[in-house]
Amino acid sequence: MKKWLVFLLILIPTVGLFYFGLGRDPRLLPSALVAKQAPDFTLKKLEDGTEVTLRGLSGKPLVLNFWATWCGPCAAEHQIIRELVKEYGKTNLQFYSVLYEDTPENARDFIRRYGAGAPILLDPGLHTSIDYGVSGVPETFFINASGKIVYKQAGMLTPDVVQEQLQALGVTSP
């Protein structure tokens, strides 16, 4: 009798954890930063070494994507970002990609192979990634013109998510 009771005391909570844990969408990770001012940063561009700051980007909406060359979903997402940059590049919408736990050499090889997308920012020491609470890549932040984060996408972007969030930023298709 005791064995069955112990078995049930272990089984019931385990089943409950699986039921509630597996029923959630892992891309819907809550972010404490949504609806708050985006953390400022000063990062250098891979392409030419110039510094980019969030303060310097204020006044225009921003899509900030954290990615890595070793990340399979990031490679697939790269095409979506390339299309966005091509379509919205002449509007007031800004795009930047932050290289996460990777090397500039790998990023340059990636761009040679797959073509340029958004300008790439280097994050040595991962200070910006930590400030933004990045737990893995890809992760993308949609930041409005006043510098507030309106949405965080954990996982690969989809065209539907992009369109929905660009509308939330007040960006219209050119």
C-alpha atoms as a PDB file:
ATOM      1  CA  MET A   1       0.000   0.000   0.000  1.00  0.00           C
ATOM      2  CA  LYS A   2       2.808   2.452   0.871  1.00  0.00           C
ATOM      3  CA  LYS A   3       4.510   1.804  -2.466  1.00  0.00           C
ATOM      4  CA  TRP A   4       1.349   2.783  -4.348  1.00  0.00           C
ATOM      5  CA  LEU A   5       0.947   5.920  -2.292  1.00  0.00           C
ATOM      6  CA  VAL A   6       4.561   6.972  -2.949  1.00  0.00           C
ATOM      7  CA  PHE A   7       4.124   6.134  -6.618  1.00  0.00           C
ATOM      8  CA  LEU A   8       0.995   8.306  -6.861  1.00  0.00           C
ATOM      9  CA  LEU A   9       2.638  11.159  -4.929  1.00  0.00           C
ATOM     10  CA  ILE A  10       5.399  11.193  -7.541  1.00  0.00           C
ATOM     11  CA  LEU A  11       3.256  10.468 -10.601  1.00  0.00           C
ATOM     12  CA  ILE A  12       0.510  13.077 -10.121  1.00  0.00           C
ATOM     13  CA  PRO A  13       2.790  16.149  -9.830  1.00  0.00           C
ATOM     14  CA  THR A  14       4.965  14.866 -12.689  1.00  0.00           C
ATOM     15  CA  VAL A  15       1.960  14.464 -14.987  1.00  0.00           C
ATOM     16  CA  GLY A  16       0.744  17.927 -13.955  1.00  0.00           C
ATOM     17  CA  LEU A  17       4.109  19.501 -14.781  1.00  0.00           C
ATOM     18  CA  PHE A  18       4.205  17.830 -18.197  1.00  0.00           C
ATOM     19  CA  TYR A  19       0.614  18.822 -18.926  1.00  0.00           C
ATOM     20  CA  PHE A  20       1.077  22.500 -18.074  1.00  0.00           C
ATOM     21  CA  GLY A  21       4.659  22.760 -19.346  1.00  0.00           C
ATOM     22  CA  LEU A  22       4.109  21.124 -22.716  1.00  0.00           C
ATOM     23  CA  GLY A  23       0.916  23.063 -23.356  1.00  0.00           C
ATOM     24  CA  ARG A  24       2.712  26.425 -23.453  1.00  0.00           C
ATOM     25  CA  ASP A  25       4.255  28.107 -26.450  1.00  0.00           C
ATOM     26  CA  PRO A  26       7.982  28.576 -25.677  1.00  0.00           C
ATOM     27  CA  ARG A  27       8.094  31.631 -27.959  1.00  0.00           C
ATOM     28  CA  LEU A  28       5.799  33.473 -25.577  1.00  0.00           C
ATOM     29  CA  LEU A  29       8.484  34.050 -22.980  1.00  0.00           C
ATOM     30  CA  PRO A  30       7.486  37.023 -20.900  1.00  0.00           C
ATOM     31  CA  SER A  31       9.892  39.919 -20.861  1.00  0.00           C
ATOM     32  CA  ALA A  32      10.133  42.366 -18.000  1.00  0.00           C
ATOM     33  CA  LEU A  33      11.285  44.960 -20.536  1.00  0.00           C
ATOM     34  CA  VAL A  34       8.088  45.155 -22.590  1.00  0.00           C
ATOM     35  CA  ALA A  35       6.445  48.589 -22.147  1.00  0.00           C
ATOM     36  CA  LYS A  36       9.642  49.946 -20.583  1.00  0.00           C
ATOM     37  CA  GLN A  37      12.482  52.050 -21.948  1.00  0.00           C
ATOM     38  CA  ALA A  38      14.928  49.918 -23.891  1.00  0.00           C
ATOM     39  CA  PRO A  39      18.350  49.666 -22.254  1.00  0.00           C
ATOM     40  CA  ASP A  40      20.825  52.035 -23.863  1.00  0.00           C
ATOM     41  CA  PHE A  41      23.852  50.601 -25.597  1.00  0.00           C
ATOM     42  CA  THR A  42      26.981  51.662 -27.419  1.00  0.00           C
ATOM     43  CA  LEU A  43      28.125  49.038 -29.910  1.00  0.00           C
ATOM     44  CA  LYS A  44      30.389  49.043 -32.942  1.00  0.00           C
ATOM     45  CA  LYS A  45      29.279  48.119 -36.426  1.00  0.00           C
ATOM     46  CA  LEU A  46      30.944  45.066 -37.927  1.00  0.00           C
ATOM     47  CA  GLU A  47      31.056  46.716 -41.324  1.00  0.00           C
ATOM     48  CA  ASP A  48      33.083  49.836 -40.503  1.00  0.00           C
ATOM     49  CA  GLY A  49      33.647  50.021 -36.726  1.00  0.00           C
ATOM     50  CA  THR A  50      31.510  53.125 -36.217  1.00  0.00           C
ATOM     51  CA  GLU A  51      29.696  53.379 -32.897  1.00  0.00           C
ATOM     52  CA  VAL A  52      25.940  53.066 -32.693  1.00  0.00           C
ATOM     53  CA  THR A  53      23.995  54.079 -29.590  1.00  0.00           C
ATOM     54  CA  LEU A  54      20.353  53.628 -28.790  1.00  0.00           C
ATOM     55  CA  ARG A  55      20.236  57.346 -27.923  1.00  0.00           C
ATOM     56  CA  GLY A  56      21.462  58.102 -31.433  1.00  0.00           C
ATOM     57  CA  LEU A  57      18.668  55.996 -32.913  1.00  0.00           C
ATOM     58  CA  SER A  58      15.868  57.664 -30.953  1.00  0.00           C
ATOM     59  CA  GLY A  59      13.003  59.297 -32.765  1.00  0.00           C
ATOM     60  CA  LYS A  60      12.535  56.378 -35.164  1.00  0.00           C
ATOM     61  CA  PRO A  61      11.155  52.890 -34.567  1.00  0.00           C
ATOM     62  CA  LEU A  62      13.739  50.124 -34.338  1.00  0.00           C
ATOM     63  CA  VAL A  63      13.831  46.379 -34.912  1.00  0.00           C
ATOM     64  CA  LEU A  64      16.742  44.967 -32.887  1.00  0.00           C
ATOM     65  CA  ASN A  65      17.547  41.338 -33.678  1.00  0.00           C
ATOM     66  CA  PHE A  66      19.967  39.167 -31.657  1.00  0.00           C
ATOM     67  CA  TRP A  67      21.427  36.328 -33.743  1.00  0.00           C
ATOM     68  CA  ALA A  68      24.430  34.062 -34.373  1.00  0.00           C
ATOM     69  CA  THR A  69      25.906  32.311 -37.386  1.00  0.00           C
ATOM     70  CA  TRP A  70      25.778  28.917 -35.633  1.00  0.00           C
ATOM     71  CA  CYS A  71      22.015  29.256 -35.048  1.00  0.00           C
ATOM     72  CA  GLY A  72      19.916  27.373 -37.624  1.00  0.00           C
ATOM     73  CA  PRO A  73      16.715  29.400 -37.097  1.00  0.00           C
ATOM     74  CA  CYS A  74      18.796  32.608 -37.332  1.00  0.00           C
ATOM     75  CA  ALA A  75      20.017  31.597 -40.788  1.00  0.00           C
ATOM     76  CA  ALA A  76      16.437  30.973 -41.916  1.00  0.00           C
ATOM     77  CA  GLU A  77      15.294  34.229 -40.324  1.00  0.00           C
ATOM     78  CA  HIS A  78      18.063  36.133 -42.110  1.00  0.00           C
ATOM     79  CA  GLN A  79      16.102  36.018 -45.374  1.00  0.00           C
ATOM     80  CA  ILE A  80      13.068  37.588 -43.680  1.00  0.00           C
ATOM     81  CA  ILE A  81      15.249  40.367 -42.271  1.00  0.00           C
ATOM     82  CA  ARG A  82      16.885  40.943 -45.669  1.00  0.00           C
ATOM     83  CA  GLU A  83      13.439  41.366 -47.240  1.00  0.00           C
ATOM     84  CA  LEU A  84      12.357  43.753 -44.476  1.00  0.00           C
ATOM     85  CA  VAL A  85      15.462  45.886 -44.891  1.00  0.00           C
ATOM     86  CA  LYS A  86      14.900  45.966 -48.650  1.00  0.00           C
ATOM     87  CA  GLU A  87      11.204  46.855 -48.307  1.00  0.00           C
ATOM     88  CA  TYR A  88      11.420  49.336 -45.412  1.00  0.00           C
ATOM     89  CA  GLY A  89      14.982  50.612 -45.831  1.00  0.00           C
ATOM     90  CA  LYS A  90      13.857  53.967 -47.227  1.00  0.00           C
ATOM     91  CA  THR A  91      11.288  54.563 -44.462  1.00  0.00           C
ATOM     92  CA  ASN A  92      11.966  55.784 -40.941  1.00  0.00           C
ATOM     93  CA  LEU A  93      12.150  52.185 -39.635  1.00  0.00           C
ATOM     94  CA  GLN A  94      15.633  51.166 -38.474  1.00  0.00           C
ATOM     95  CA  PHE A  95      17.077  47.654 -38.343  1.00  0.00           C
ATOM     96  CA  TYR A  96      20.115  46.357 -36.491  1.00  0.00           C
ATOM     97  CA  SER A  97      21.341  42.845 -35.770  1.00  0.00           C
ATOM     98  CA  VAL A  98      23.415  42.166 -32.653  1.00  0.00           C
ATOM     99  CA  LEU A  99      25.912  39.322 -32.961  1.00  0.00           C
ATOM    100  CA  TYR A 100      25.486  36.956 -30.003  1.00  0.00           C
ATOM    101  CA  GLU A 101      28.271  34.657 -28.735  1.00  0.00           C
ATOM    102  CA  ASP A 102      29.961  34.576 -32.113  1.00  0.00           C
ATOM    103  CA  THR A 103      32.980  36.031 -33.882  1.00  0.00           C
ATOM    104  CA  PRO A 104      33.223  38.881 -36.367  1.00  0.00           C
ATOM    105  CA  GLU A 105      35.004  36.510 -38.784  1.00  0.00           C
ATOM    106  CA  ASN A 106      32.062  34.095 -38.726  1.00  0.00           C
ATOM    107  CA  ALA A 107      29.651  36.979 -39.324  1.00  0.00           C
ATOM    108  CA  ARG A 108      31.676  38.219 -42.301  1.00  0.00           C
ATOM    109  CA  ASP A 109      31.715  34.710 -43.811  1.00  0.00           C
ATOM    110  CA  PHE A 110      27.960  34.420 -43.224  1.00  0.00           C
ATOM    111  CA  ILE A 111      27.314  37.729 -45.017  1.00  0.00           C
ATOM    112  CA  ARG A 112      29.539  36.707 -47.935  1.00  0.00           C
ATOM    113  CA  ARG A 113      27.566  33.474 -48.236  1.00  0.00           C
ATOM    114  CA  TYR A 114      23.995  34.722 -47.641  1.00  0.00           C
ATOM    115  CA  GLY A 115      24.134  38.443 -48.407  1.00  0.00           C
ATOM    116  CA  ALA A 116      23.829  41.479 -46.179  1.00  0.00           C
ATOM    117  CA  GLY A 117      20.737  42.131 -44.116  1.00  0.00           C
ATOM    118  CA  ALA A 118      20.593  44.615 -41.272  1.00  0.00           C
ATOM    119  CA  PRO A 119      23.821  46.282 -40.132  1.00  0.00           C
ATOM    120  CA  ILE A 120      25.561  44.031 -37.607  1.00  0.00           C
ATOM    121  CA  LEU A 121      26.547  45.296 -34.164  1.00  0.00           C
ATOM    122  CA  LEU A 122      29.248  43.575 -32.117  1.00  0.00           C
ATOM    123  CA  ASP A 123      28.529  42.844 -28.454  1.00  0.00           C
ATOM    124  CA  PRO A 124      31.841  41.823 -26.873  1.00  0.00           C
ATOM    125  CA  GLY A 125      31.287  40.592 -23.349  1.00  0.00           C
ATOM    126  CA  LEU A 126      27.557  40.222 -24.094  1.00  0.00           C
ATOM    127  CA  HIS A 127      26.748  43.304 -21.989  1.00  0.00           C
ATOM    128  CA  THR A 128      23.931  44.447 -24.279  1.00  0.00           C
ATOM    129  CA  SER A 129      22.562  40.909 -24.613  1.00  0.00           C
ATOM    130  CA  ILE A 130      22.488  40.624 -20.827  1.00  0.00           C
ATOM    131  CA  ASP A 131      20.841  44.046 -20.458  1.00  0.00           C
ATOM    132  CA  TYR A 132      18.106  42.923 -22.858  1.00  0.00           C
ATOM    133  CA  GLY A 133      17.684  39.577 -21.074  1.00  0.00           C
ATOM    134  CA  VAL A 134      18.554  37.517 -24.136  1.00  0.00           C
ATOM    135  CA  SER A 135      18.442  33.857 -23.187  1.00  0.00           C
ATOM    136  CA  GLY A 136      19.038  32.392 -26.633  1.00  0.00           C
ATOM    137  CA  VAL A 137      18.877  33.333 -30.264  1.00  0.00           C
ATOM    138  CA  PRO A 138      17.104  34.416 -32.279  1.00  0.00           C
ATOM    139  CA  GLU A 139      15.364  37.079 -30.224  1.00  0.00           C
ATOM    140  CA  THR A 140      13.983  40.291 -31.665  1.00  0.00           C
ATOM    141  CA  PHE A 141      12.863  43.474 -29.947  1.00  0.00           C
ATOM    142  CA  PHE A 142      10.461  45.965 -31.514  1.00  0.00           C
ATOM    143  CA  ILE A 143      11.196  49.400 -30.068  1.00  0.00           C
ATOM    144  CA  ASN A 144       9.012  52.443 -30.731  1.00  0.00           C
ATOM    145  CA  ALA A 145      10.228  55.933 -31.657  1.00  0.00           C
ATOM    146  CA  SER A 146      10.264  57.024 -28.014  1.00  0.00           C
ATOM    147  CA  GLY A 147      12.567  54.136 -27.083  1.00  0.00           C
ATOM    148  CA  LYS A 148      10.058  51.811 -25.401  1.00  0.00           C
ATOM    149  CA  ILE A 149      10.036  48.103 -26.130  1.00  0.00           C
ATOM    150  CA  VAL A 150       6.608  47.209 -27.480  1.00  0.00           C
ATOM    151  CA  TYR A 151       7.242  43.512 -28.173  1.00  0.00           C
ATOM    152  CA  LYS A 152       9.832  40.781 -27.781  1.00  0.00           C
ATOM    153  CA  GLN A 153       9.857  37.787 -30.113  1.00  0.00           C
ATOM    154  CA  ALA A 154      11.710  34.783 -28.712  1.00  0.00           C
ATOM    155  CA  GLY A 155      12.420  32.448 -31.592  1.00  0.00           C
ATOM    156  CA  MET A 156      12.329  32.965 -35.321  1.00  0.00           C
ATOM    157  CA  LEU A 157      10.382  35.857 -36.785  1.00  0.00           C
ATOM    158  CA  THR A 158       7.481  35.092 -39.055  1.00  0.00           C
ATOM    159  CA  PRO A 159       5.964  37.437 -41.627  1.00  0.00           C
ATOM    160  CA  ASP A 160       2.733  37.561 -39.568  1.00  0.00           C
ATOM    161  CA  VAL A 161       4.560  38.597 -36.376  1.00  0.00           C
ATOM    162  CA  VAL A 162       6.536  41.206 -38.298  1.00  0.00           C
ATOM    163  CA  GLN A 163       3.453  42.769 -39.880  1.00  0.00           C
ATOM    164  CA  GLU A 164       1.553  42.797 -36.596  1.00  0.00           C
ATOM    165  CA  GLN A 165       4.431  44.423 -34.712  1.00  0.00           C
ATOM    166  CA  LEU A 166       5.197  46.966 -37.428  1.00  0.00           C
ATOM    167  CA  GLN A 167       1.560  48.057 -37.205  1.00  0.00           C
ATOM    168  CA  ALA A 168       1.972  48.342 -33.423  1.00  0.00           C
ATOM    169  CA  LEU A 169       4.979  50.604 -34.083  1.00  0.00           C
ATOM    170  CA  GLY A 170       2.887  52.725 -36.438  1.00  0.00           C
ATOM    171  CA  VAL A 171       4.984  51.730 -39.465  1.00  0.00           C
ATOM    172  CA  THR A 172       3.071  51.464 -42.721  1.00  0.00           C
ATOM    173  CA  SER A 173       4.192  49.548 -45.743  1.00  0.00           C
ATOM    174  CA  PRO A 174       5.984  51.757 -48.259  1.00  0.00           C
END
